Amino acid sequence: MKNKFVVMIAMALAIPAVCPLCLSAQPRASKLKVFISADMEGICGVVSTDQTSPSGSGYAAARKWMAEDVNAAVEGAFRAGAVEVVVNDSHGAMRNIDPGDLQPKAVLISGSPKPLSMMQGIDDSYDAVLFIGYHAMAGTQDGVLDHTISSSVVSRIKVNGAELPELGLNAAIAGAYGVPVVFISGDVAVCKQAKAVLGSEVVTAPVKDGIGRTAARLVPMAEARREIRDRVADALRKAAQVKPFKLGPVCKFELEFLVSSQADAAALLPGVERVNGRTVVFTSPDYLQGFRQLRALIALAPPR
């Protein structure tokens, strides 16, 4: 009996007691949730509008390339520990990615119009945002298929005095929900703009180097997708170091159209001020409301 008592004491000392409060204090497993906004002009291999329009002869191939670039990013996200990845098709009519071509574990948001356009689906439950296939803003030298939102309507967009590319406008939507943009792929020009707008912490993967607007030196596709996959994984592992890109709270939007008739139409709306032949301004109490108004003004603009 004495020996049995000694053994019981030894076992008790070897196993530390655990109380319910101690258990509740343990950190929960991380559940990484990732949002991807995928455009087309910055996709590996794309250099022409013939490849980005459904009526173009090069479109069928380019939409496959788009899915493959996105799938590389999705794979990188899951390698970094993501438990959920949502992809928003963000080009043109936003029906470019064939659901059958997308990595099966990813969720696809397809079609348009959408209230938040290229960022539809983002909310504060996400941990990080990835931009795939993005392009430089209108007027960028050696920017492949450079434009800002609409190549037939917009010359430039400024918010609080700073001209922004789509990546900045969209990053500010994520920032309004407290979510950082941690990665971008596209041409060299857009990768440089991402660093300038979002900061040096954002990870980039240039898949081509522009030679004018409709030509580029291409990174071999297999290599480009390896870089996207590996750099996405690296970016997500360091996502906590990246701050969300925020604008506001009060935001002044300045929209310069391509032609004066487009500003004529915009100036008819309440709260919109005409400042010159092609430019209107308006102020919004918060960025998201202002962004929706901006998109409405662009959508309502007559063709040039």
Protein backbone atom coordinates (compact mmCIF):
# COMPACT_ATOMS: atom_id res chain seq x y z
CA MET A 1 0.00 0.00 0.00
CA LYS A 2 2.84 2.38 0.84
CA ASN A 3 4.50 1.79 -2.54
CA LYS A 4 1.21 2.40 -4.37
CA PHE A 5 0.75 5.72 -2.51
CA VAL A 6 4.28 6.82 -3.51
CA VAL A 7 3.56 6.05 -7.18
CA MET A 8 0.33 8.07 -7.08
CA ILE A 9 2.17 11.12 -5.65
CA ALA A 10 4.88 10.82 -8.31
CA MET A 11 2.29 10.73 -11.09
CA ALA A 12 0.52 13.80 -9.68
CA LEU A 13 3.77 15.76 -9.58
CA ALA A 14 4.65 14.76 -13.15
CA ILE A 15 1.39 16.08 -14.65
CA PRO A 16 0.86 19.82 -14.02
CA ALA A 17 -2.64 20.82 -13.03
CA VAL A 18 -4.62 22.75 -15.63
CA CYS A 19 -7.47 25.02 -14.62
CA PRO A 20 -10.30 26.23 -16.89
CA LEU A 21 -8.99 29.83 -16.70
CA CYS A 22 -5.55 28.67 -17.91
CA LEU A 23 -7.16 26.91 -20.86
CA SER A 24 -9.16 29.96 -21.88
CA ALA A 25 -6.00 32.09 -21.80
CA GLN A 26 -4.27 29.96 -24.43
CA PRO A 27 -3.94 31.63 -27.85
CA ARG A 28 -6.42 30.40 -30.46
CA ALA A 29 -5.18 28.88 -33.70
CA SER A 30 -4.75 31.48 -36.42
CA LYS A 31 -7.41 31.42 -39.14
CA LEU A 32 -5.89 33.32 -42.05
CA LYS A 33 -8.53 34.70 -44.42
CA VAL A 34 -7.36 36.17 -47.73
CA PHE A 35 -9.10 38.37 -50.33
CA ILE A 36 -7.86 38.50 -53.93
CA SER A 37 -8.81 41.20 -56.44
CA ALA A 38 -7.82 40.06 -59.93
CA ASP A 39 -7.53 42.40 -62.91
CA MET A 40 -6.41 41.39 -66.40
CA GLU A 41 -4.06 43.96 -67.93
CA GLY A 42 -1.26 42.95 -65.56
CA ILE A 43 -1.62 39.22 -66.13
CA CYS A 44 1.44 37.33 -67.35
CA GLY A 45 1.53 37.40 -71.17
CA VAL A 46 -1.09 40.13 -71.70
CA VAL A 47 0.03 43.16 -73.76
CA SER A 48 -2.95 44.10 -75.96
CA THR A 49 -6.64 45.03 -75.72
CA ASP A 50 -7.22 42.18 -78.17
CA GLN A 51 -6.42 39.92 -75.20
CA THR A 52 -8.54 41.74 -72.60
CA SER A 53 -11.83 42.06 -74.48
CA PRO A 54 -14.25 39.15 -74.96
CA SER A 55 -14.53 40.12 -78.63
CA GLY A 56 -10.77 39.86 -79.16
CA SER A 57 -9.11 36.87 -80.79
CA GLY A 58 -6.59 36.62 -77.95
CA TYR A 59 -9.14 36.69 -75.13
CA ALA A 60 -9.70 32.93 -74.74
CA ALA A 61 -6.02 32.33 -74.07
CA ALA A 62 -5.66 35.39 -71.83
CA ARG A 63 -8.53 34.40 -69.54
CA LYS A 64 -6.81 31.04 -69.03
CA TRP A 65 -3.58 32.89 -68.14
CA MET A 66 -5.57 35.02 -65.71
CA ALA A 67 -6.88 31.93 -63.91
CA GLU A 68 -3.36 30.50 -63.77
CA ASP A 69 -1.89 33.67 -62.22
CA VAL A 70 -4.73 33.71 -59.69
CA ASN A 71 -4.27 30.00 -58.93
CA ALA A 72 -0.59 30.62 -58.22
CA ALA A 73 -1.60 33.25 -55.67
CA VAL A 74 -4.23 30.95 -54.17
CA GLU A 75 -1.65 28.20 -53.80
CA GLY A 76 0.72 30.62 -52.10
CA ALA A 77 -2.03 31.68 -49.71
CA PHE A 78 -2.81 28.11 -48.68
CA ARG A 79 0.90 27.39 -48.26
CA ALA A 80 1.03 30.32 -45.83
CA GLY A 81 -1.78 28.77 -43.78
CA ALA A 82 -4.92 30.36 -45.23
CA VAL A 83 -8.17 28.65 -44.33
CA GLU A 84 -10.28 30.70 -46.74
CA VAL A 85 -9.47 32.50 -50.00
CA VAL A 86 -12.03 34.60 -51.87
CA VAL A 87 -11.31 35.81 -55.43
CA ASN A 88 -13.15 38.78 -56.92
CA ASP A 89 -13.00 38.87 -60.73
CA SER A 90 -12.23 42.57 -61.26
CA HIS A 91 -11.79 43.16 -64.99
CA GLY A 92 -14.34 44.62 -67.40
CA ALA A 93 -17.69 42.87 -67.00
CA MET A 94 -15.98 40.77 -64.30
CA ARG A 95 -16.83 37.39 -65.82
CA ASN A 96 -13.37 36.49 -67.08
CA ILE A 97 -12.34 33.64 -64.79
CA ASP A 98 -14.04 30.38 -65.70
CA PRO A 99 -15.12 28.87 -62.35
CA GLY A 100 -13.96 25.50 -63.66
CA ASP A 101 -10.43 26.87 -64.09
CA LEU A 102 -10.15 28.23 -60.54
CA GLN A 103 -8.40 26.32 -57.76
CA PRO A 104 -11.26 24.27 -56.22
CA LYS A 105 -10.74 25.49 -52.65
CA ALA A 106 -11.10 29.18 -53.61
CA VAL A 107 -14.43 31.04 -53.70
CA LEU A 108 -15.16 33.17 -56.78
CA ILE A 109 -17.15 36.43 -56.96
CA SER A 110 -18.16 36.98 -60.59
CA GLY A 111 -20.22 39.49 -62.59
CA SER A 112 -21.09 43.18 -62.43
CA PRO A 113 -22.12 45.79 -61.47
CA LYS A 114 -21.04 45.43 -57.85
CA PRO A 115 -21.24 48.21 -55.21
CA LEU A 116 -17.54 47.98 -54.37
CA SER A 117 -16.54 46.97 -57.90
CA MET A 118 -13.02 45.47 -57.86
CA MET A 119 -13.20 45.08 -54.07
CA GLN A 120 -16.64 43.53 -53.77
CA GLY A 121 -16.71 41.09 -50.87
CA ILE A 122 -14.08 42.74 -48.70
CA ASP A 123 -14.93 43.27 -45.04
CA ASP A 124 -13.17 43.39 -41.68
CA SER A 125 -13.08 39.59 -41.34
CA TYR A 126 -10.11 39.36 -43.74
CA ASP A 127 -6.47 39.42 -42.69
CA ALA A 128 -4.87 40.47 -45.98
CA VAL A 129 -5.55 41.50 -49.58
CA LEU A 130 -3.68 40.45 -52.73
CA PHE A 131 -3.86 42.30 -56.06
CA ILE A 132 -3.25 40.05 -59.07
CA GLY A 133 -2.82 41.27 -62.66
CA TYR A 134 -2.94 44.98 -61.82
CA HIS A 135 -1.77 47.79 -64.10
CA ALA A 136 -0.34 51.30 -63.76
CA MET A 137 -2.43 54.47 -63.72
CA ALA A 138 -3.32 56.47 -66.82
CA GLY A 139 -0.41 58.32 -68.36
CA THR A 140 2.34 56.06 -66.99
CA GLN A 141 5.34 55.75 -69.29
CA ASP A 142 5.98 52.10 -70.23
CA GLY A 143 2.89 51.03 -68.32
CA VAL A 144 1.31 48.08 -70.13
CA LEU A 145 -2.31 49.02 -70.98
CA ASP A 146 -2.15 51.84 -68.43
CA HIS A 147 -5.44 53.47 -67.39
CA THR A 148 -7.41 54.42 -64.30
CA ILE A 149 -10.76 52.59 -63.97
CA SER A 150 -11.94 53.49 -67.50
CA SER A 151 -9.68 54.23 -70.46
CA SER A 152 -12.62 55.87 -72.27
CA VAL A 153 -13.67 58.18 -69.44
CA VAL A 154 -10.93 58.95 -66.90
CA SER A 155 -7.77 60.99 -67.33
CA ARG A 156 -6.84 61.10 -63.65
CA ILE A 157 -8.30 60.76 -60.16
CA LYS A 158 -7.06 62.54 -57.05
CA VAL A 159 -8.09 62.02 -53.45
CA ASN A 160 -7.12 64.73 -50.98
CA GLY A 161 -4.75 66.17 -53.57
CA ALA A 162 -2.85 62.97 -54.41
CA GLU A 163 -3.26 61.24 -57.78
CA LEU A 164 -3.97 57.55 -57.29
CA PRO A 165 -3.88 54.47 -59.50
CA GLU A 166 -6.54 51.79 -59.16
CA LEU A 167 -4.32 49.98 -56.68
CA GLY A 168 -4.46 52.99 -54.35
CA LEU A 169 -8.20 53.55 -54.75
CA ASN A 170 -8.86 49.88 -54.04
CA ALA A 171 -6.34 49.62 -51.20
CA ALA A 172 -8.19 52.48 -49.49
CA ILE A 173 -11.39 50.41 -49.61
CA ALA A 174 -9.58 47.58 -47.84
CA GLY A 175 -8.10 50.14 -45.46
CA ALA A 176 -11.56 51.40 -44.55
CA TYR A 177 -12.15 47.90 -43.16
CA GLY A 178 -8.74 47.78 -41.49
CA VAL A 179 -7.28 45.24 -43.92
CA PRO A 180 -3.80 45.72 -45.50
CA VAL A 181 -2.81 45.05 -49.10
CA VAL A 182 0.32 42.92 -48.80
CA PHE A 183 1.04 41.79 -52.37
CA ILE A 184 0.66 42.89 -55.98
CA SER A 185 1.56 41.33 -59.33
CA GLY A 186 1.63 43.08 -62.69
CA ASP A 187 4.19 44.93 -64.78
CA VAL A 188 7.27 46.72 -63.47
CA ALA A 189 5.50 50.08 -63.59
CA VAL A 190 2.60 49.08 -61.35
CA CYS A 191 4.96 47.36 -58.90
CA LYS A 192 6.87 50.65 -58.56
CA GLN A 193 3.63 52.56 -58.03
CA ALA A 194 2.55 50.06 -55.37
CA LYS A 195 5.73 50.73 -53.39
CA ALA A 196 5.28 54.50 -53.80
CA VAL A 197 1.63 54.51 -52.72
CA LEU A 198 1.43 51.70 -50.16
CA GLY A 199 4.98 51.66 -48.80
CA SER A 200 8.06 49.50 -49.06
CA GLU A 201 6.53 46.66 -47.02
CA VAL A 202 4.20 45.58 -49.84
CA VAL A 203 5.61 42.56 -51.70
CA THR A 204 5.56 42.69 -55.51
CA ALA A 205 6.00 40.20 -58.33
CA PRO A 206 6.67 41.86 -61.72
CA VAL A 207 5.66 39.49 -64.51
CA LYS A 208 6.64 41.78 -67.43
CA ASP A 209 8.49 45.00 -68.19
CA GLY A 210 6.68 47.45 -70.44
CA ILE A 211 8.10 48.62 -73.75
CA GLY A 212 5.55 51.35 -74.42
CA ARG A 213 1.86 50.75 -73.80
CA THR A 214 1.23 47.63 -75.88
CA ALA A 215 4.51 45.71 -75.74
CA ALA A 216 6.58 44.16 -72.98
CA ARG A 217 9.48 41.89 -72.15
CA LEU A 218 7.75 38.90 -70.55
CA VAL A 219 8.92 36.80 -67.64
CA PRO A 220 8.54 33.12 -68.69
CA MET A 221 5.12 31.99 -67.51
CA ALA A 222 6.25 29.09 -65.35
CA GLU A 223 8.81 31.30 -63.62
CA ALA A 224 6.31 34.15 -63.17
CA ARG A 225 3.81 31.87 -61.48
CA ARG A 226 6.41 30.38 -59.19
CA GLU A 227 7.34 33.91 -58.16
CA ILE A 228 3.69 34.81 -57.54
CA ARG A 229 3.15 31.67 -55.44
CA ASP A 230 6.32 32.02 -53.38
CA ARG A 231 6.09 35.77 -52.86
CA VAL A 232 2.42 35.57 -51.87
CA ALA A 233 3.32 33.01 -49.20
CA ASP A 234 6.14 35.24 -47.98
CA ALA A 235 3.93 38.34 -47.96
CA LEU A 236 1.20 36.63 -45.95
CA ARG A 237 3.67 35.37 -43.35
CA LYS A 238 4.68 39.01 -42.81
CA ALA A 239 1.21 40.52 -43.18
CA ALA A 240 1.11 41.76 -39.60
CA GLN A 241 3.94 44.17 -40.43
CA VAL A 242 1.91 45.96 -43.13
CA LYS A 243 -0.42 48.79 -42.16
CA PRO A 244 -3.78 49.28 -43.87
CA PHE A 245 -3.87 52.15 -46.39
CA LYS A 246 -6.40 54.67 -45.08
CA LEU A 247 -7.79 57.89 -46.52
CA GLY A 248 -9.99 60.38 -44.72
CA PRO A 249 -12.10 60.52 -42.67
CA VAL A 250 -13.25 63.42 -44.89
CA CYS A 251 -12.19 62.93 -48.51
CA LYS A 252 -12.05 65.38 -51.41
CA PHE A 253 -12.31 63.60 -54.77
CA GLU A 254 -11.11 65.21 -57.99
CA LEU A 255 -12.11 63.51 -61.24
CA GLU A 256 -10.59 64.65 -64.53
CA PHE A 257 -12.44 63.30 -67.55
CA LEU A 258 -11.04 62.75 -71.02
CA VAL A 259 -13.43 65.20 -72.70
CA SER A 260 -15.48 68.18 -71.55
CA SER A 261 -18.86 66.64 -72.39
CA GLN A 262 -18.28 64.06 -69.67
CA ALA A 263 -17.73 66.83 -67.12
CA ASP A 264 -20.87 68.57 -68.46
CA ALA A 265 -22.93 65.56 -67.39
CA ALA A 266 -21.23 65.12 -64.01
CA ALA A 267 -21.71 68.79 -63.09
CA LEU A 268 -25.50 68.37 -63.26
CA LEU A 269 -25.49 66.27 -60.10
CA PRO A 270 -25.94 67.82 -56.61
CA GLY A 271 -22.74 68.30 -54.64
CA VAL A 272 -20.49 68.14 -57.70
CA GLU A 273 -18.50 71.28 -58.54
CA ARG A 274 -17.03 72.03 -61.95
CA VAL A 275 -13.49 73.45 -61.64
CA ASN A 276 -12.44 73.51 -65.30
CA GLY A 277 -13.40 72.12 -68.70
CA ARG A 278 -12.78 68.47 -67.87
CA THR A 279 -12.59 68.32 -64.06
CA VAL A 280 -15.13 68.06 -61.26
CA VAL A 281 -14.68 67.82 -57.49
CA PHE A 282 -16.83 66.67 -54.60
CA THR A 283 -16.34 66.00 -50.91
CA SER A 284 -17.47 62.96 -48.95
CA PRO A 285 -17.65 62.45 -45.17
CA ASP A 286 -16.04 59.02 -45.58
CA TYR A 287 -14.03 57.22 -48.22
CA LEU A 288 -16.45 54.39 -49.02
CA GLN A 289 -19.33 56.76 -49.69
CA GLY A 290 -17.10 58.94 -51.83
CA PHE A 291 -15.85 55.94 -53.80
CA ARG A 292 -19.40 54.90 -54.66
CA GLN A 293 -20.14 58.43 -55.88
CA LEU A 294 -16.95 58.39 -57.94
CA ARG A 295 -17.95 55.13 -59.61
CA ALA A 296 -21.42 56.52 -60.35
CA LEU A 297 -19.97 59.63 -62.04
CA ILE A 298 -17.74 57.44 -64.22
CA ALA A 299 -20.59 55.07 -65.10
CA LEU A 300 -22.89 57.97 -66.07
CA ALA A 301 -20.32 59.71 -68.29
CA PRO A 302 -21.28 59.72 -71.99
CA PRO A 303 -18.87 58.12 -74.46
CA ARG A 304 -16.22 60.50 -75.73
